[in-house]
Amino acid sequence: MECLFVEYPKCSTCQKAKKWLTEQGVTFTDRDIKTQNPTKEELKEWHERSGLDVKRFFNTSGMLYKEMKLKDRLPQMTLEEKYELLSTDGMLVKRPVLVTSQGIAVGFKPEEWEKLLV
């Protein structure tokens, strides 16, 4: 199964996830979220396919999220505005993101990833 692995290479969680994928023998396309930010269309598709709350796609522990005071701003924003905002900077997006034909996982939880790789 071919997967898309969206990561920030300097992120230790992303490094662990990448190592885990390699150890599992998973074939994946690697994409740096900083240089190839997900588009608004991709984010919308991933969100809809994931079944997750859109807030899960935000990197709530990131500096940019805090600087922009998004904790207070997000509740007033429309879904389209959230997609638009996420598409402006990869550092706003929670990572890593695993995109498979089975679904989407945001953040690294091996037990969730295993379900997407069957």
Protein backbone atom coordinates (compact mmCIF):
# COMPACT_ATOMS: atom_id res chain seq x y z
CA MET A 1 0.00 0.00 0.00
CA GLU A 2 1.36 3.41 -0.96
CA CYS A 3 0.94 6.10 1.70
CA LEU A 4 1.61 9.80 1.99
CA PHE A 5 3.63 10.74 5.07
CA VAL A 6 3.49 14.46 5.80
CA GLU A 7 6.10 15.54 8.32
CA TYR A 8 8.33 18.27 9.65
CA PRO A 9 11.79 16.64 9.51
CA LYS A 10 13.03 18.40 12.68
CA CYS A 11 10.06 17.12 14.72
CA SER A 12 11.06 14.24 17.03
CA THR A 13 7.58 12.68 16.84
CA CYS A 14 7.77 12.75 13.04
CA GLN A 15 11.19 11.08 13.19
CA LYS A 16 9.78 8.32 15.42
CA ALA A 17 6.80 7.86 13.09
CA LYS A 18 9.04 7.66 10.02
CA LYS A 19 11.26 5.08 11.72
CA TRP A 20 8.15 3.09 12.70
CA LEU A 21 6.82 3.13 9.11
CA THR A 22 10.19 1.95 7.80
CA GLU A 23 10.36 -0.83 10.39
CA GLN A 24 6.86 -1.96 9.35
CA GLY A 25 8.02 -2.15 5.74
CA VAL A 26 5.52 0.48 4.62
CA THR A 27 6.15 2.18 1.28
CA PHE A 28 5.45 5.88 1.54
CA THR A 29 5.96 9.20 -0.17
CA ASP A 30 7.60 11.63 2.21
CA ARG A 31 6.53 15.28 2.18
CA ASP A 32 7.99 18.16 4.20
CA ILE A 33 5.07 20.15 5.60
CA LYS A 34 7.19 23.31 5.83
CA THR A 35 8.19 23.38 2.15
CA GLN A 36 5.06 21.70 0.70
CA ASN A 37 2.20 22.91 2.85
CA PRO A 38 -1.08 21.03 2.37
CA THR A 39 -3.51 22.90 0.14
CA LYS A 40 -6.94 24.01 1.28
CA GLU A 41 -8.45 21.28 -0.92
CA GLU A 42 -6.20 18.57 0.57
CA LEU A 43 -6.99 19.69 4.12
CA LYS A 44 -10.71 19.65 3.40
CA GLU A 45 -10.50 16.14 1.91
CA TRP A 46 -8.33 14.84 4.78
CA HIS A 47 -10.64 16.33 7.37
CA GLU A 48 -13.76 14.84 5.76
CA ARG A 49 -12.14 11.41 5.34
CA SER A 50 -10.68 11.37 8.86
CA GLY A 51 -13.93 11.83 10.77
CA LEU A 52 -11.96 13.98 13.23
CA ASP A 53 -12.86 17.40 14.56
CA VAL A 54 -11.07 20.00 12.42
CA LYS A 55 -9.40 21.31 15.59
CA ARG A 56 -7.34 18.08 15.63
CA PHE A 57 -5.61 19.32 12.47
CA PHE A 58 -4.20 22.35 14.28
CA ASN A 59 -0.79 22.18 15.94
CA THR A 60 -2.10 23.59 19.23
CA SER A 61 1.29 23.32 20.93
CA GLY A 62 3.10 25.23 18.17
CA MET A 63 4.49 28.73 18.60
CA LEU A 64 2.61 30.10 15.59
CA TYR A 65 -0.72 28.81 16.96
CA LYS A 66 -0.02 30.58 20.25
CA GLU A 67 1.32 33.78 18.64
CA MET A 68 -1.82 34.04 16.52
CA LYS A 69 -4.02 33.45 19.61
CA LEU A 70 -5.94 30.81 17.68
CA LYS A 71 -7.35 29.22 20.83
CA ASP A 72 -9.59 32.28 21.11
CA ARG A 73 -10.12 32.87 17.38
CA LEU A 74 -10.99 29.36 16.11
CA PRO A 75 -14.44 29.08 17.72
CA GLN A 76 -15.65 32.12 15.74
CA MET A 77 -14.22 30.94 12.42
CA THR A 78 -16.13 29.05 9.74
CA LEU A 79 -14.90 25.66 8.54
CA GLU A 80 -13.77 27.22 5.24
CA GLU A 81 -11.81 29.90 7.12
CA LYS A 82 -10.09 27.17 9.16
CA TYR A 83 -9.07 25.28 6.01
CA GLU A 84 -7.82 28.55 4.51
CA LEU A 85 -5.80 29.37 7.62
CA LEU A 86 -4.28 25.87 7.86
CA SER A 87 -3.22 26.08 4.22
CA THR A 88 -1.22 29.28 4.80
CA ASP A 89 1.56 27.71 6.88
CA GLY A 90 2.53 24.08 7.45
CA MET A 91 3.61 24.90 10.99
CA LEU A 92 -0.06 25.40 11.90
CA VAL A 93 -0.85 21.79 10.95
CA LYS A 94 -0.51 19.00 13.50
CA ARG A 95 1.95 16.43 12.35
CA PRO A 96 2.78 13.89 11.26
CA VAL A 97 -0.14 13.19 8.96
CA LEU A 98 -0.55 9.75 7.42
CA VAL A 99 -2.76 9.54 4.35
CA THR A 100 -3.74 6.06 3.15
CA SER A 101 -6.54 4.59 1.07
CA GLN A 102 -8.03 3.38 4.39
CA GLY A 103 -8.13 6.80 6.03
CA ILE A 104 -6.20 9.65 7.62
CA ALA A 105 -4.28 9.82 10.90
CA VAL A 106 -3.11 13.04 12.52
CA GLY A 107 -0.37 12.79 15.13
CA PHE A 108 1.51 9.56 15.77
CA LYS A 109 -0.28 6.75 17.58
CA PRO A 110 1.04 3.39 16.34
CA GLU A 111 -2.21 1.57 17.19
CA GLU A 112 -4.21 4.00 15.04
CA TRP A 113 -1.70 3.84 12.22
CA GLU A 114 -1.75 0.04 12.18
CA LYS A 115 -5.49 0.12 11.45
CA LEU A 116 -4.85 2.27 8.37
CA LEU A 117 -2.19 -0.04 7.00
CA VAL A 118 -4.19 -3.27 6.68
